Amino acid sequence: MKQPIFNRRGFLQQSTLATVATLAGTSIIFADKIPPHYRPLAFDYDPLKGKSPEMTVLGDKPWNVEPPVHLLDDAVTPVSKMFIRNNGLIPTDPINPATWTLTINGESVKSAKTYTLNDLKKRFKPYTYQLVLECGGNGRAGYQPQTSGNPWEQGAVSCAEWTGVRLKDILADVGIKDDAVYIGYYGKDPHLSQDPTKVAISRGVPMKKALEEETLIAWAVNGQDIPLEHGYPLRLVVGGWPASTSGKWLHTIAVRNKIHDGAKMEGHSYQVPIRPVEPGEKVAETPQNFRIIESMPVKSLVTYPKTGAMVDIKKPLAIRGHAWAGDRSVAEVHTSIDYGATWQKSKLSPPKNRLAWQQWSAELAFPQPGYYEVWVRATDDKGVTQPMVIPQWNPGGYLNNACHRIAVKAVV
């Protein structure tokens, strides 16, 4: 059997193992011509197919891929430019949406129930929302000393349009007890070891977040079936919180009477110290020392022009980008061309819906030819503003929301 070929950056060049077929209108993903004794790995499926060639691969086991910031210029992020963040392997067992089920169970449900995908579509009202999903470690590359985890730059964020049913409507149908505290998800992604007894990731959110209007059990993104690498055929989508709470390949949600204790809910995974720590400090990984990351902090990006642009000094430079603030909305966006000495207020559009990002734009004039940095800084509706420098260091390299900047050269 021909083996996959990678170059030194880990891009998949060739594979004969992944095939997609359509049978009677139903998509079934299966492995083609695989000997019975062979257990395929995640890289036998090419998650880069259909992605922009400018994407950066941080790893292929698991797959972690990000776009450069200028690819995020769209108001609604296309699938071709969406980042990929996995903790386990991409499922390789056959996936038939006609037989896929979602089970709601746990200590705090009145009676466990199982729904087919067709049940969800027929029994509950569908909703569509634009929702920001951002990796908790987005911007990790900026921390010094370097921390564990993928060295994300600033591209591990998206705001796509998700369609599905509200989790709150499903939970109302099941019935939850008064002692419900948290929900935890379970997906079909195999553990990196391929040990069937181990779970790659199983995270969750408190009931208040689970019951929000915009928390979806989704089967479509941007009007199409969710691609395999993004959780086909069903995923949880929790806008405004770390994207790790939006479980892919979803088959079970447990309603818990305590904080969920699944994989990646322990140690410092998706957690930050409760006190300021010295860069590089070893912090004992106990619940007394860490808090779980919930709403993501206020942040903004310059998505146009691309860093390194040459601009005509005789013309104003039109710039634009996005801003978001976790559970909050963005109140103001400012730009600076003098390293934060002065700031100019930008035009800011309202979000399409709650938990969507907001587009901002501005026109800049440069006083003389030369090199400039354009900085952007957002302020949320509670008055919290992005820091101009890298924020407090933490062992996981989470929550870097320092001002984004691009370099431009004004020329005659």
Protein backbone atom coordinates (compact mmCIF):
# COMPACT_ATOMS: atom_id res chain seq x y z
CA MET A 1 0.00 0.00 0.00
CA LYS A 2 1.30 3.44 -0.93
CA GLN A 3 2.16 5.46 2.16
CA PRO A 4 1.33 9.15 2.65
CA ILE A 5 4.17 11.49 1.74
CA PHE A 6 4.95 14.60 3.77
CA ASN A 7 7.43 17.37 3.25
CA ARG A 8 9.32 18.77 6.21
CA ARG A 9 6.44 21.09 7.23
CA GLY A 10 4.02 18.21 7.49
CA PHE A 11 1.83 18.91 4.49
CA LEU A 12 0.07 15.88 3.14
CA GLN A 13 1.18 15.29 -0.43
CA GLN A 14 -0.48 12.03 -1.31
CA SER A 15 -2.87 9.53 0.19
CA THR A 16 -4.98 6.71 -1.22
CA LEU A 17 -6.78 6.03 2.03
CA ALA A 18 -9.59 8.58 2.27
CA THR A 19 -12.55 8.41 -0.06
CA VAL A 20 -15.86 10.22 0.05
CA ALA A 21 -18.85 8.69 -1.69
CA THR A 22 -22.49 9.62 -1.94
CA LEU A 23 -24.98 6.79 -1.66
CA ALA A 24 -28.63 7.59 -2.26
CA GLY A 25 -28.02 11.19 -1.28
CA THR A 26 -26.36 10.28 2.01
CA SER A 27 -22.67 11.03 2.49
CA ILE A 28 -20.69 8.14 3.92
CA ILE A 29 -17.02 8.57 4.73
CA PHE A 30 -14.99 5.40 4.63
CA ALA A 31 -11.45 4.08 4.22
CA ASP A 32 -10.68 2.65 0.81
CA LYS A 33 -8.59 -0.48 0.26
CA ILE A 34 -7.29 -0.74 3.82
CA PRO A 35 -6.09 -4.20 4.93
CA PRO A 36 -8.11 -5.54 7.89
CA HIS A 37 -5.08 -5.47 10.20
CA TYR A 38 -4.25 -1.82 9.46
CA ARG A 39 -5.52 0.84 11.85
CA PRO A 40 -5.42 4.13 9.91
CA LEU A 41 -4.05 7.26 11.56
CA ALA A 42 -5.48 10.76 11.36
CA PHE A 43 -3.16 11.83 8.55
CA ASP A 44 -4.66 9.22 6.20
CA TYR A 45 -7.48 11.74 5.70
CA ASP A 46 -6.35 15.01 4.17
CA PRO A 47 -7.91 17.87 6.19
CA LEU A 48 -6.04 20.39 4.04
CA LYS A 49 -8.05 19.51 0.95
CA GLY A 50 -10.11 22.58 0.14
CA LYS A 51 -8.12 24.77 2.52
CA SER A 52 -6.17 27.82 1.41
CA PRO A 53 -2.60 26.95 0.38
CA GLU A 54 -1.44 29.74 2.70
CA MET A 55 -2.49 27.83 5.80
CA THR A 56 0.27 27.02 8.30
CA VAL A 57 0.44 23.47 9.64
CA LEU A 58 1.55 23.39 13.27
CA GLY A 59 1.16 19.63 13.56
CA ASP A 60 -0.46 16.63 11.90
CA LYS A 61 -0.95 14.30 14.88
CA PRO A 62 -3.18 15.85 15.99
CA TRP A 63 -3.97 18.23 13.15
CA ASN A 64 -3.51 21.87 14.13
CA VAL A 65 -3.61 24.40 11.30
CA GLU A 66 -3.98 28.19 11.21
CA PRO A 67 -4.42 30.88 8.57
CA PRO A 68 -2.29 34.03 8.43
CA VAL A 69 -4.31 36.97 9.70
CA HIS A 70 -4.91 38.51 6.27
CA LEU A 71 -6.94 35.44 5.28
CA LEU A 72 -9.47 36.32 7.97
CA ASP A 73 -10.71 39.40 6.12
CA ASP A 74 -14.17 37.94 5.31
CA ALA A 75 -17.11 39.06 7.44
CA VAL A 76 -18.09 35.37 7.66
CA THR A 77 -15.13 33.02 7.75
CA PRO A 78 -15.16 30.53 4.84
CA VAL A 79 -14.38 26.92 5.71
CA SER A 80 -11.32 27.18 3.45
CA LYS A 81 -9.82 29.69 5.90
CA MET A 82 -10.99 28.26 9.21
CA PHE A 83 -8.34 27.09 11.66
CA ILE A 84 -8.22 23.44 12.73
CA ARG A 85 -7.61 22.58 16.37
CA ASN A 86 -7.74 18.94 17.38
CA ASN A 87 -6.67 17.15 20.55
CA GLY A 88 -7.14 13.64 19.20
CA LEU A 89 -7.24 11.97 15.81
CA ILE A 90 -9.81 12.62 13.12
CA PRO A 91 -12.30 9.72 13.19
CA THR A 92 -11.62 7.09 10.56
CA ASP A 93 -14.51 4.73 11.27
CA PRO A 94 -17.37 4.98 8.76
CA ILE A 95 -19.68 7.92 9.49
CA ASN A 96 -23.28 7.56 8.36
CA PRO A 97 -25.43 10.57 9.30
CA ALA A 98 -28.55 8.43 8.85
CA THR A 99 -27.55 6.33 11.87
CA TRP A 100 -25.68 8.95 13.92
CA THR A 101 -27.17 9.57 17.36
CA LEU A 102 -26.89 12.06 20.19
CA THR A 103 -27.48 10.81 23.73
CA ILE A 104 -28.27 13.12 26.64
CA ASN A 105 -27.47 11.48 29.97
CA GLY A 106 -25.75 12.17 33.28
CA GLU A 107 -26.55 12.41 36.98
CA SER A 108 -28.77 15.44 36.52
CA VAL A 109 -31.14 14.35 33.75
CA LYS A 110 -34.58 13.09 34.67
CA SER A 111 -34.43 10.37 32.02
CA ALA A 112 -31.67 9.78 29.46
CA LYS A 113 -32.74 10.11 25.83
CA THR A 114 -31.17 9.36 22.46
CA TYR A 115 -31.93 11.28 19.26
CA THR A 116 -31.03 10.55 15.68
CA LEU A 117 -29.76 13.39 13.55
CA ASN A 118 -33.09 13.28 11.73
CA ASP A 119 -34.91 13.59 15.07
CA LEU A 120 -32.99 16.75 15.87
CA LYS A 121 -33.81 18.28 12.50
CA LYS A 122 -37.51 17.38 12.58
CA ARG A 123 -38.44 17.78 16.26
CA PHE A 124 -36.70 21.05 17.09
CA LYS A 125 -36.65 24.48 15.53
CA PRO A 126 -33.36 25.20 13.72
CA TYR A 127 -31.38 28.38 14.32
CA THR A 128 -28.45 30.00 12.54
CA TYR A 129 -25.91 32.24 14.26
CA GLN A 130 -22.55 33.73 13.42
CA LEU A 131 -20.34 32.69 16.33
CA VAL A 132 -16.73 33.43 17.25
CA LEU A 133 -14.68 30.32 18.01
CA GLU A 134 -11.18 31.09 19.23
CA CYS A 135 -8.59 28.68 20.58
CA GLY A 136 -7.73 29.50 24.18
CA GLY A 137 -4.07 29.41 23.13
CA ASN A 138 -4.42 31.80 20.19
CA GLY A 139 -1.39 34.11 20.35
CA ARG A 140 0.63 31.62 22.43
CA ALA A 141 3.73 32.21 20.27
CA GLY A 142 4.03 35.67 21.81
CA TYR A 143 4.79 34.47 25.34
CA GLN A 144 8.35 34.37 26.63
CA PRO A 145 9.57 32.00 27.84
CA GLN A 146 7.68 29.72 25.50
CA THR A 147 5.01 27.54 27.06
CA SER A 148 3.74 24.07 26.24
CA GLY A 149 1.20 23.74 23.44
CA ASN A 150 0.91 24.73 19.81
CA PRO A 151 2.74 28.00 19.02
CA TRP A 152 -0.31 29.74 17.53
CA GLU A 153 0.25 33.19 16.08
CA GLN A 154 -3.09 35.08 15.78
CA GLY A 155 -5.02 32.99 13.26
CA ALA A 156 -6.73 30.45 15.56
CA VAL A 157 -10.06 32.27 15.42
CA SER A 158 -13.07 32.23 13.12
CA CYS A 159 -16.58 33.61 12.89
CA ALA A 160 -18.56 31.26 10.68
CA GLU A 161 -22.32 30.81 10.38
CA TRP A 162 -23.50 27.73 12.28
CA THR A 163 -26.88 26.05 11.90
CA GLY A 164 -28.46 23.60 14.31
CA VAL A 165 -30.78 23.35 17.29
CA ARG A 166 -30.46 25.04 20.65
CA LEU A 167 -29.04 22.82 23.35
CA LYS A 168 -31.53 24.41 25.76
CA ASP A 169 -34.44 23.06 23.70
CA ILE A 170 -33.03 19.52 23.76
CA LEU A 171 -32.39 19.71 27.52
CA ALA A 172 -35.95 20.95 28.07
CA ASP A 173 -37.21 17.92 26.16
CA VAL A 174 -35.09 15.56 28.24
CA GLY A 175 -35.76 17.27 31.55
CA ILE A 176 -32.96 18.33 33.89
CA LYS A 177 -32.86 18.19 37.67
CA ASP A 178 -32.43 21.16 39.97
CA ASP A 179 -28.92 20.03 40.92
CA ALA A 180 -27.57 20.40 37.36
CA VAL A 181 -24.28 22.35 37.43
CA TYR A 182 -22.37 21.60 34.22
CA ILE A 183 -22.56 19.79 30.91
CA GLY A 184 -19.77 17.67 29.44
CA TYR A 185 -19.46 16.50 25.84
CA TYR A 186 -18.10 13.29 24.32
CA GLY A 187 -16.99 12.91 20.71
CA LYS A 188 -15.83 10.14 18.41
CA ASP A 189 -12.26 11.42 17.99
CA PRO A 190 -9.78 8.67 18.95
CA HIS A 191 -7.07 9.33 21.50
CA LEU A 192 -3.61 9.94 19.99
CA SER A 193 -2.49 6.56 21.37
CA GLN A 194 -5.45 4.87 19.62
CA ASP A 195 -6.18 3.22 22.95
CA PRO A 196 -9.99 2.81 22.89
CA THR A 197 -10.14 3.16 26.67
CA LYS A 198 -8.73 6.70 26.56
CA VAL A 199 -10.63 9.88 25.69
CA ALA A 200 -8.91 12.57 23.61
CA ILE A 201 -10.90 15.47 25.03
CA SER A 202 -14.15 15.85 26.98
CA ARG A 203 -14.82 19.38 28.16
CA GLY A 204 -17.92 21.39 28.95
CA VAL A 205 -19.50 24.56 30.32
CA PRO A 206 -21.66 25.59 33.29
CA MET A 207 -25.43 25.27 32.86
CA LYS A 208 -25.89 29.03 32.47
CA LYS A 209 -23.73 28.97 29.33
CA ALA A 210 -25.23 25.70 28.10
CA LEU A 211 -28.72 27.22 28.28
CA GLU A 212 -27.89 30.39 26.34
CA GLU A 213 -29.87 31.08 23.18
CA GLU A 214 -26.80 30.78 20.94
CA THR A 215 -25.39 27.48 22.28
CA LEU A 216 -26.06 25.09 19.40
CA ILE A 217 -25.93 21.45 18.48
CA ALA A 218 -24.91 22.13 14.88
CA TRP A 219 -24.89 20.06 11.70
CA ALA A 220 -24.07 22.80 9.18
CA VAL A 221 -21.57 25.61 8.77
CA ASN A 222 -22.03 28.37 6.19
CA GLY A 223 -25.03 26.52 4.81
CA GLN A 224 -23.22 23.22 4.13
CA ASP A 225 -22.57 20.00 6.04
CA ILE A 226 -19.79 20.49 8.57
CA PRO A 227 -16.54 19.13 7.04
CA LEU A 228 -15.04 16.06 8.71
CA GLU A 229 -12.09 17.95 10.19
CA HIS A 230 -14.48 20.41 11.83
CA GLY A 231 -16.71 17.80 13.45
CA TYR A 232 -18.98 16.17 10.85
CA PRO A 233 -21.76 15.25 11.22
CA LEU A 234 -22.57 16.95 14.55
CA ARG A 235 -20.80 19.27 16.95
CA LEU A 236 -21.45 21.46 19.94
CA VAL A 237 -20.87 25.17 19.23
CA VAL A 238 -20.35 27.48 22.20
CA GLY A 239 -19.57 31.02 21.04
CA GLY A 240 -17.35 33.40 22.98
CA TRP A 241 -15.61 30.76 25.12
CA PRO A 242 -12.48 28.75 24.27
CA ALA A 243 -13.20 26.69 21.15
CA SER A 244 -12.24 23.57 23.12
CA THR A 245 -15.72 23.79 24.69
CA SER A 246 -17.25 23.24 21.23
CA GLY A 247 -16.89 19.47 20.99
CA LYS A 248 -16.59 17.85 17.56
CA TRP A 249 -18.01 14.52 16.31
CA LEU A 250 -20.54 14.82 19.10
CA HIS A 251 -22.38 11.70 20.30
CA THR A 252 -23.11 12.33 24.00
CA ILE A 253 -23.74 15.22 26.34
CA ALA A 254 -23.73 14.47 30.05
CA VAL A 255 -25.61 16.80 32.41
CA ARG A 256 -23.52 16.82 35.57
CA ASN A 257 -24.20 17.64 39.23
CA LYS A 258 -20.61 18.88 39.54
CA ILE A 259 -17.99 20.58 37.37
CA HIS A 260 -17.32 18.17 34.52
CA ASP A 261 -14.21 16.07 35.12
CA GLY A 262 -13.48 14.83 31.60
CA ALA A 263 -10.20 14.81 29.67
CA LYS A 264 -8.60 18.28 29.33
CA MET A 265 -10.51 19.58 32.35
CA GLU A 266 -7.59 18.75 34.63
CA GLY A 267 -4.13 20.16 35.39
CA HIS A 268 -3.60 23.50 33.63
CA SER A 269 -5.44 22.50 30.45
CA TYR A 270 -7.50 25.52 29.44
CA GLN A 271 -6.86 27.05 32.86
CA VAL A 272 -4.84 30.00 34.13
CA PRO A 273 -3.35 30.72 37.57
CA ILE A 274 -5.54 32.61 40.02
CA ARG A 275 -2.58 34.81 41.02
CA PRO A 276 0.10 36.60 38.97
CA VAL A 277 3.08 34.32 38.38
CA GLU A 278 6.64 34.96 37.32
CA PRO A 279 7.39 34.06 33.68
CA GLY A 280 8.60 30.47 33.64
CA GLU A 281 7.41 29.73 37.18
CA LYS A 282 6.34 26.18 37.99
CA VAL A 283 2.85 26.27 39.44
CA ALA A 284 1.43 23.24 41.23
CA GLU A 285 -1.49 21.99 39.14
CA THR A 286 -4.16 21.98 41.82
CA PRO A 287 -7.71 23.40 41.74
CA GLN A 288 -6.62 25.91 44.38
CA ASN A 289 -4.04 27.41 41.99
CA PHE A 290 -5.95 27.54 38.70
CA ARG A 291 -9.28 28.70 37.30
CA ILE A 292 -11.03 27.37 34.21
CA ILE A 293 -11.06 29.80 31.28
CA GLU A 294 -14.56 30.96 30.50
CA SER A 295 -15.38 34.08 28.44
CA MET A 296 -12.52 35.04 26.12
CA PRO A 297 -11.01 38.54 26.51
CA VAL A 298 -11.54 41.54 24.23
CA LYS A 299 -9.44 41.34 21.08
CA SER A 300 -9.06 42.77 17.57
CA LEU A 301 -7.18 42.15 14.34
CA VAL A 302 -6.09 44.13 11.30
CA THR A 303 -7.10 41.93 8.37
CA TYR A 304 -6.44 44.43 5.56
CA PRO A 305 -3.92 45.38 4.32
CA LYS A 306 -1.50 42.52 4.72
CA THR A 307 1.51 43.29 6.86
CA GLY A 308 4.41 44.54 4.74
CA ALA A 309 2.19 46.64 2.47
CA MET A 310 3.69 49.53 0.48
CA VAL A 311 1.27 52.47 0.54
CA ASP A 312 1.11 55.72 -1.41
CA ILE A 313 1.67 58.56 1.07
CA LYS A 314 -0.45 60.90 -1.06
CA LYS A 315 -3.56 58.77 -0.46
CA PRO A 316 -5.27 57.81 2.80
CA LEU A 317 -4.84 54.14 3.70
CA ALA A 318 -8.13 52.30 4.13
CA ILE A 319 -7.73 49.61 6.78
CA ARG A 320 -10.17 47.20 8.37
CA GLY A 321 -10.52 44.18 10.59
CA HIS A 322 -12.60 42.48 13.26
CA ALA A 323 -13.07 42.87 17.00
CA TRP A 324 -14.77 40.62 19.56
CA ALA A 325 -15.02 40.27 23.33
CA GLY A 326 -16.15 36.80 24.43
CA ASP A 327 -19.58 37.06 26.06
CA ARG A 328 -19.49 40.84 25.78
CA SER A 329 -19.75 43.20 22.82
CA VAL A 330 -17.13 45.65 21.58
CA ALA A 331 -17.84 49.32 22.30
CA GLU A 332 -14.92 51.05 20.55
CA VAL A 333 -11.92 50.34 18.34
CA HIS A 334 -8.94 52.66 17.95
CA THR A 335 -5.84 52.60 15.77
CA SER A 336 -2.40 54.12 16.25
CA ILE A 337 0.50 54.76 13.87
CA ASP A 338 2.89 56.16 16.53
CA TYR A 339 3.30 53.17 18.86
CA GLY A 340 0.36 54.09 21.04
CA ALA A 341 1.28 57.73 21.67
CA THR A 342 -1.99 58.83 20.06
CA TRP A 343 -5.10 56.94 19.00
CA GLN A 344 -7.70 57.48 16.30
CA LYS A 345 -11.25 56.19 16.72
CA SER A 346 -12.44 53.75 14.05
CA LYS A 347 -15.84 53.11 12.55
CA LEU A 348 -17.39 50.05 14.24
CA SER A 349 -20.32 47.97 13.00
CA PRO A 350 -22.70 46.13 15.35
CA PRO A 351 -22.46 42.33 15.47
CA LYS A 352 -24.74 40.26 13.25
CA ASN A 353 -25.98 38.63 16.44
CA ARG A 354 -24.72 38.25 20.00
CA LEU A 355 -21.34 36.45 20.15
CA ALA A 356 -20.44 37.34 16.55
CA TRP A 357 -17.42 39.50 15.84
CA GLN A 358 -17.75 43.10 14.68
CA GLN A 359 -16.17 44.73 11.64
CA TRP A 360 -14.21 47.96 12.08
CA SER A 361 -12.64 50.28 9.52
CA ALA A 362 -10.59 53.47 9.39
CA GLU A 363 -8.62 55.73 7.05
CA LEU A 364 -5.06 56.62 8.02
CA ALA A 365 -2.83 59.42 6.80
CA PHE A 366 0.94 59.22 7.26
CA PRO A 367 2.83 62.45 7.96
CA GLN A 368 5.93 61.60 5.92
CA PRO A 369 7.47 58.70 3.98
CA GLY A 370 8.92 55.85 5.99
CA TYR A 371 8.23 52.74 8.07
CA TYR A 372 5.13 52.60 10.30
CA GLU A 373 3.37 50.11 12.50
CA VAL A 374 -0.41 50.20 12.56
CA TRP A 375 -1.76 49.10 15.93
CA VAL A 376 -5.37 48.26 16.71
CA ARG A 377 -6.96 48.26 20.16
CA ALA A 378 -10.54 47.29 21.11
CA THR A 379 -12.53 48.20 24.22
CA ASP A 380 -15.49 46.10 25.37
CA ASP A 381 -18.85 47.29 26.70
CA LYS A 382 -17.58 47.10 30.29
CA GLY A 383 -14.71 49.48 29.53
CA VAL A 384 -12.00 46.79 29.42
CA THR A 385 -9.32 47.56 26.81
CA GLN A 386 -6.72 45.32 25.18
CA PRO A 387 -3.22 45.64 26.65
CA MET A 388 -0.55 47.14 24.43
CA VAL A 389 1.94 44.45 25.46
CA ILE A 390 1.78 40.70 26.07
CA PRO A 391 -0.41 40.12 29.15
CA GLN A 392 0.44 38.15 32.28
CA TRP A 393 2.46 35.01 31.51
CA ASN A 394 0.81 31.69 32.35
CA PRO A 395 2.03 28.06 32.02
CA GLY A 396 -0.42 27.21 29.23
CA GLY A 397 0.21 30.29 27.13
CA TYR A 398 -3.48 31.19 27.13
CA LEU A 399 -5.41 34.45 26.61
CA ASN A 400 -2.85 36.57 24.78
CA ASN A 401 -4.96 39.54 23.67
CA ALA A 402 -2.19 42.10 23.18
CA CYS A 403 -2.76 44.71 20.49
CA HIS A 404 -2.33 43.34 16.99
CA ARG A 405 -0.06 45.33 14.67
CA ILE A 406 1.02 45.29 11.06
CA ALA A 407 3.99 46.92 9.33
CA VAL A 408 3.51 49.27 6.39
CA LYS A 409 5.85 51.51 4.42
CA ALA A 410 4.63 54.86 3.18
CA VAL A 411 6.31 55.79 -0.11
CA VAL A 412 6.20 58.69 -2.52
